[in-house]
Amino acid sequence: MKKQNLVKYLLIGIAVAFLVIMLILPLIFVVTSSLSNGVKAYFSAITDKYTLEALKLTLLTTILTIIVNLFFGIMSTWLIFNYKFRGKSILLSLIDIPFAISPVVVGLFYVLTFGRIGWLFPLVDFLGIQIVFAVPAIVLVTIFVTLPFITREVLPVLETRGNEEEQVAAMFGASSFRIFRKITLPHIKWPLAYGLVLTTARALGEYGAVSVVSGNLRGKTVTVPLQVEMLYNEYQFSSSYAVASLLVIIAVIILIIRNIIESSAQHD
């Protein structure tokens, strides 16, 4: 028994030490550094016009990403769960691609597709649309890197539960929409909410793909993570930490929401 307790406390100590070194200390450093020049300088940094523009773009991108991924996640999950068709495994593999590809490579794909040397550039140029080095590319790459989260949170729940209730409802003549609204949705509401939280967190903090396609046009195509990098590269360390603290605050809020969702799901 003593040996088991020793092992338990040793593992707890290692876990706590790891979290302190890898998570807590960096967060403390960011917060303290952001206030190193005083509260006035902190609020001046986070209310700077370029920071506010970056925040607006980040929130806009996140909202659009959530809308698109919510629609795609529900539709793809419904399709995979309820229908048998050739290529289902291929579709699942395609959905998982963002997990396997570096975000920087994703950004490069979009540049090579829609940029001046891209094979679709003649079409977008003819239509008068600018995608690369503009907001559309930022939204597209963010949607891409967050694509699997909702499907991969919801699908296992449906597969574990089965679709017997849906089949019975269909036999009695219920429409697909009514079946989804009355039977399926109540069972997936918590994993769906959790998938949305993960999507939101990833969209807010996406850097790699966005840095490739944005062009770093300050006030136009710079998101909050890019604004942090630009300030840091300009040796405005206190300002960069202040802006980074915004992401920390948002991350804490998302963490609280996630914990609420998990607690609600356990008591549902």
Protein backbone atom coordinates (compact mmCIF):
# COMPACT_ATOMS: atom_id res chain seq x y z
CA MET A 1 0.00 0.00 0.00
CA LYS A 2 2.83 2.40 0.88
CA LYS A 3 4.51 1.62 -2.43
CA GLN A 4 1.28 2.38 -4.31
CA ASN A 5 0.91 5.70 -2.47
CA LEU A 6 4.52 6.55 -3.27
CA VAL A 7 3.94 5.90 -6.96
CA LYS A 8 0.69 7.91 -6.88
CA TYR A 9 2.28 10.95 -5.27
CA LEU A 10 5.31 10.69 -7.53
CA LEU A 11 3.09 10.76 -10.62
CA ILE A 12 1.09 13.67 -9.19
CA GLY A 13 4.31 15.57 -8.50
CA ILE A 14 5.60 14.97 -12.04
CA ALA A 15 2.28 16.09 -13.55
CA VAL A 16 2.15 19.24 -11.42
CA ALA A 17 5.79 20.09 -12.15
CA PHE A 18 5.21 19.61 -15.87
CA LEU A 19 2.14 21.86 -15.86
CA VAL A 20 3.93 24.54 -13.84
CA ILE A 21 6.93 24.59 -16.16
CA MET A 22 5.09 24.25 -19.46
CA LEU A 23 1.90 26.23 -18.76
CA ILE A 24 1.65 28.22 -15.55
CA LEU A 25 5.07 29.92 -15.59
CA PRO A 26 4.76 31.09 -19.23
CA LEU A 27 1.28 32.48 -18.49
CA ILE A 28 2.56 34.31 -15.43
CA PHE A 29 5.44 35.70 -17.49
CA VAL A 30 3.07 36.98 -20.20
CA VAL A 31 0.75 38.64 -17.67
CA THR A 32 3.52 40.27 -15.62
CA SER A 33 5.43 41.40 -18.72
CA SER A 34 2.29 42.94 -20.22
CA LEU A 35 2.00 45.15 -17.11
CA SER A 36 5.72 45.96 -16.87
CA ASN A 37 5.19 49.53 -18.15
CA GLY A 38 2.10 50.14 -16.03
CA VAL A 39 -1.64 49.79 -16.41
CA LYS A 40 -1.92 52.89 -18.61
CA ALA A 41 0.59 51.50 -21.12
CA TYR A 42 -1.24 48.17 -21.05
CA PHE A 43 -4.60 49.69 -21.96
CA SER A 44 -2.91 51.89 -24.54
CA ALA A 45 -1.51 48.77 -26.22
CA ILE A 46 -4.75 46.81 -26.28
CA THR A 47 -6.80 49.80 -27.47
CA ASP A 48 -4.38 50.73 -30.25
CA LYS A 49 -6.22 51.07 -33.56
CA TYR A 50 -4.21 48.28 -35.21
CA THR A 51 -4.83 45.96 -32.27
CA LEU A 52 -8.56 46.68 -32.40
CA GLU A 53 -8.59 46.04 -36.16
CA ALA A 54 -6.74 42.77 -35.59
CA LEU A 55 -9.24 41.79 -32.90
CA LYS A 56 -12.19 42.62 -35.17
CA LEU A 57 -10.71 40.52 -37.99
CA THR A 58 -10.00 37.64 -35.63
CA LEU A 59 -13.55 37.66 -34.28
CA LEU A 60 -15.04 37.97 -37.79
CA THR A 61 -12.94 35.05 -39.01
CA THR A 62 -13.92 32.98 -35.99
CA ILE A 63 -17.64 33.66 -36.41
CA LEU A 64 -17.59 32.77 -40.11
CA THR A 65 -15.55 29.65 -39.36
CA ILE A 66 -18.04 28.54 -36.71
CA ILE A 67 -20.99 29.04 -39.07
CA VAL A 68 -19.42 27.10 -41.95
CA ASN A 69 -18.04 24.30 -39.79
CA LEU A 70 -21.30 23.94 -37.87
CA PHE A 71 -23.18 23.41 -41.13
CA PHE A 72 -20.52 21.13 -42.63
CA GLY A 73 -20.00 19.18 -39.41
CA ILE A 74 -23.69 18.41 -38.96
CA MET A 75 -24.25 17.56 -42.63
CA SER A 76 -21.16 15.35 -42.95
CA THR A 77 -21.90 13.55 -39.68
CA TRP A 78 -25.52 12.95 -40.71
CA LEU A 79 -24.39 11.60 -44.07
CA ILE A 80 -21.70 9.30 -42.66
CA PHE A 81 -23.92 8.04 -39.84
CA ASN A 82 -27.14 7.35 -41.71
CA TYR A 83 -26.12 6.27 -45.21
CA LYS A 84 -23.96 3.56 -46.69
CA PHE A 85 -22.10 4.57 -49.83
CA ARG A 86 -18.86 3.91 -51.64
CA GLY A 87 -16.05 6.15 -50.57
CA LYS A 88 -17.22 6.66 -46.98
CA SER A 89 -13.75 5.80 -45.65
CA ILE A 90 -12.23 8.19 -48.17
CA LEU A 91 -14.54 10.96 -46.98
CA LEU A 92 -13.52 10.33 -43.37
CA SER A 93 -9.86 10.43 -44.37
CA LEU A 94 -10.37 13.72 -46.19
CA ILE A 95 -12.05 15.23 -43.13
CA ASP A 96 -9.03 14.22 -41.03
CA ILE A 97 -6.47 15.74 -43.40
CA PRO A 98 -6.13 19.01 -41.40
CA PHE A 99 -4.89 16.93 -38.44
CA ALA A 100 -2.02 15.58 -40.53
CA ILE A 101 -0.89 18.65 -42.50
CA SER A 102 1.12 21.53 -41.08
CA PRO A 103 -0.86 24.82 -41.11
CA VAL A 104 2.03 26.47 -42.94
CA VAL A 105 1.67 23.91 -45.72
CA VAL A 106 -2.09 24.59 -45.80
CA GLY A 107 -1.38 28.28 -46.34
CA LEU A 108 1.05 27.42 -49.11
CA PHE A 109 -1.60 25.26 -50.81
CA TYR A 110 -3.97 28.23 -50.95
CA VAL A 111 -1.25 30.54 -52.29
CA LEU A 112 -0.43 28.01 -55.01
CA THR A 113 -4.14 27.67 -55.82
CA PHE A 114 -5.39 31.27 -55.70
CA GLY A 115 -2.20 33.33 -55.88
CA ARG A 116 -0.78 34.92 -59.02
CA ILE A 117 0.99 31.69 -59.95
CA GLY A 118 -2.00 29.56 -58.95
CA TRP A 119 -4.04 27.55 -61.40
CA LEU A 120 -7.29 29.25 -60.30
CA PHE A 121 -5.91 32.78 -60.42
CA PRO A 122 -7.20 33.51 -63.97
CA LEU A 123 -10.73 32.71 -62.79
CA VAL A 124 -10.63 34.79 -59.59
CA ASP A 125 -8.92 37.61 -61.48
CA PHE A 126 -11.64 37.53 -64.15
CA LEU A 127 -14.29 37.70 -61.41
CA GLY A 128 -12.46 40.58 -59.76
CA ILE A 129 -12.01 38.72 -56.48
CA GLN A 130 -8.88 38.92 -54.37
CA ILE A 131 -8.41 35.90 -52.18
CA VAL A 132 -4.72 35.62 -51.28
CA PHE A 133 -3.37 38.48 -49.13
CA ALA A 134 -6.95 39.43 -48.29
CA VAL A 135 -9.62 38.47 -45.77
CA PRO A 136 -11.15 35.61 -47.86
CA ALA A 137 -7.92 33.60 -47.70
CA ILE A 138 -7.70 34.08 -43.94
CA VAL A 139 -11.24 32.77 -43.53
CA LEU A 140 -10.67 29.86 -45.91
CA VAL A 141 -7.50 28.57 -44.24
CA THR A 142 -9.05 28.94 -40.79
CA ILE A 143 -12.07 26.91 -41.91
CA PHE A 144 -9.71 24.29 -43.31
CA VAL A 145 -7.61 23.80 -40.17
CA THR A 146 -10.71 23.59 -37.94
CA LEU A 147 -12.74 21.36 -40.27
CA PRO A 148 -12.58 18.02 -38.36
CA PHE A 149 -13.42 19.16 -34.82
CA ILE A 150 -17.22 19.01 -34.91
CA THR A 151 -17.44 15.83 -36.97
CA ARG A 152 -14.89 14.03 -34.80
CA GLU A 153 -16.67 15.03 -31.59
CA VAL A 154 -20.19 14.14 -32.73
CA LEU A 155 -19.69 11.04 -34.89
CA PRO A 156 -18.36 8.68 -32.15
CA VAL A 157 -21.37 9.52 -29.96
CA LEU A 158 -23.79 8.64 -32.76
CA GLU A 159 -21.93 5.45 -33.65
CA THR A 160 -21.97 4.31 -30.02
CA ARG A 161 -25.69 5.05 -29.68
CA GLY A 162 -26.82 3.57 -32.99
CA ASN A 163 -29.63 4.77 -35.26
CA GLU A 164 -32.50 2.46 -34.28
CA GLU A 165 -34.64 5.36 -33.07
CA GLU A 166 -34.13 7.23 -36.34
CA GLN A 167 -35.06 4.15 -38.36
CA VAL A 168 -38.27 3.63 -36.40
CA ALA A 169 -39.23 7.28 -36.84
CA ALA A 170 -38.56 7.02 -40.58
CA MET A 171 -40.81 3.94 -40.79
CA PHE A 172 -43.64 5.98 -39.30
CA GLY A 173 -43.18 8.64 -41.97
CA ALA A 174 -41.22 11.33 -40.09
CA SER A 175 -39.19 13.65 -42.29
CA SER A 176 -35.39 13.71 -42.08
CA PHE A 177 -35.42 17.21 -40.60
CA ARG A 178 -37.94 16.24 -37.92
CA ILE A 179 -35.97 13.10 -37.08
CA PHE A 180 -32.81 15.14 -36.69
CA ARG A 181 -34.48 17.88 -34.62
CA LYS A 182 -36.48 15.63 -32.32
CA ILE A 183 -34.27 12.54 -31.95
CA THR A 184 -30.68 13.07 -33.08
CA LEU A 185 -30.00 16.63 -31.93
CA PRO A 186 -30.89 16.06 -28.24
CA HIS A 187 -28.36 13.20 -28.14
CA ILE A 188 -25.51 15.18 -29.74
CA LYS A 189 -26.04 18.63 -28.24
CA TRP A 190 -23.15 18.34 -25.76
CA PRO A 191 -20.52 16.86 -28.13
CA LEU A 192 -21.68 19.40 -30.70
CA ALA A 193 -21.16 22.22 -28.20
CA TYR A 194 -17.75 20.81 -27.28
CA GLY A 195 -16.78 20.66 -30.95
CA LEU A 196 -17.80 24.30 -31.32
CA VAL A 197 -15.61 25.24 -28.35
CA LEU A 198 -12.61 23.47 -29.89
CA THR A 199 -13.31 25.13 -33.23
CA THR A 200 -13.51 28.54 -31.60
CA ALA A 201 -10.28 28.06 -29.67
CA ARG A 202 -8.36 26.92 -32.75
CA ALA A 203 -9.78 29.66 -34.96
CA LEU A 204 -8.88 32.41 -32.49
CA GLY A 205 -5.30 31.23 -32.13
CA GLU A 206 -4.52 30.10 -35.69
CA TYR A 207 -1.18 31.50 -36.80
CA GLY A 208 0.69 29.31 -39.28
CA ALA A 209 -1.73 29.14 -42.20
CA VAL A 210 -2.90 32.74 -41.69
CA SER A 211 0.66 34.08 -41.68
CA VAL A 212 1.27 32.60 -45.14
CA VAL A 213 -1.88 33.91 -46.86
CA SER A 214 -2.44 37.23 -45.08
CA GLY A 215 0.42 39.29 -46.46
CA ASN A 216 0.75 40.95 -43.01
CA LEU A 217 -1.05 44.12 -44.07
CA ARG A 218 -1.45 45.91 -40.76
CA GLY A 219 -4.98 47.12 -40.16
CA LYS A 220 -6.29 44.96 -43.02
CA THR A 221 -5.15 41.33 -42.89
CA VAL A 222 -3.44 41.06 -39.51
CA THR A 223 -5.12 38.92 -36.84
CA VAL A 224 -4.32 39.07 -33.14
CA PRO A 225 -1.61 36.33 -33.23
CA LEU A 226 0.06 38.12 -36.16
CA GLN A 227 -0.19 41.45 -34.33
CA VAL A 228 1.62 39.91 -31.37
CA GLU A 229 4.42 38.69 -33.65
CA MET A 230 4.74 42.03 -35.44
CA LEU A 231 4.96 43.99 -32.19
CA TYR A 232 7.54 41.56 -30.84
CA ASN A 233 9.66 41.80 -33.99
CA GLU A 234 9.53 45.59 -33.66
CA TYR A 235 10.97 45.23 -30.11
CA GLN A 236 7.74 46.51 -28.57
CA PHE A 237 7.88 43.69 -26.05
CA SER A 238 5.50 45.12 -23.47
CA SER A 239 2.89 45.87 -26.13
CA SER A 240 3.24 42.41 -27.67
CA TYR A 241 2.73 40.78 -24.26
CA ALA A 242 -0.27 43.04 -23.62
CA VAL A 243 -1.91 41.96 -26.88
CA ALA A 244 -0.98 38.34 -26.17
CA SER A 245 -2.76 38.64 -22.83
CA LEU A 246 -5.99 39.17 -24.78
CA LEU A 247 -5.58 35.67 -26.20
CA VAL A 248 -4.85 34.38 -22.71
CA ILE A 249 -8.05 35.95 -21.37
CA ILE A 250 -10.07 34.51 -24.24
CA ALA A 251 -8.46 31.10 -23.68
CA VAL A 252 -9.44 31.17 -20.00
CA ILE A 253 -13.02 32.07 -20.93
CA ILE A 254 -13.11 29.19 -23.43
CA LEU A 255 -11.71 26.84 -20.78
CA ILE A 256 -14.45 27.87 -18.36
CA ILE A 257 -17.09 27.30 -21.05
CA ARG A 258 -15.61 23.88 -21.80
CA ASN A 259 -15.72 22.90 -18.13
CA ILE A 260 -19.34 24.06 -17.90
CA ILE A 261 -20.22 21.96 -20.95
CA GLU A 262 -18.47 18.89 -19.52
CA SER A 263 -20.21 19.33 -16.17
CA SER A 264 -23.61 19.79 -17.84
CA ALA A 265 -23.05 16.72 -20.02
CA GLN A 266 -22.21 14.58 -16.99
CA HIS A 267 -25.39 15.65 -15.18
CA ASP A 268 -27.68 15.47 -18.22
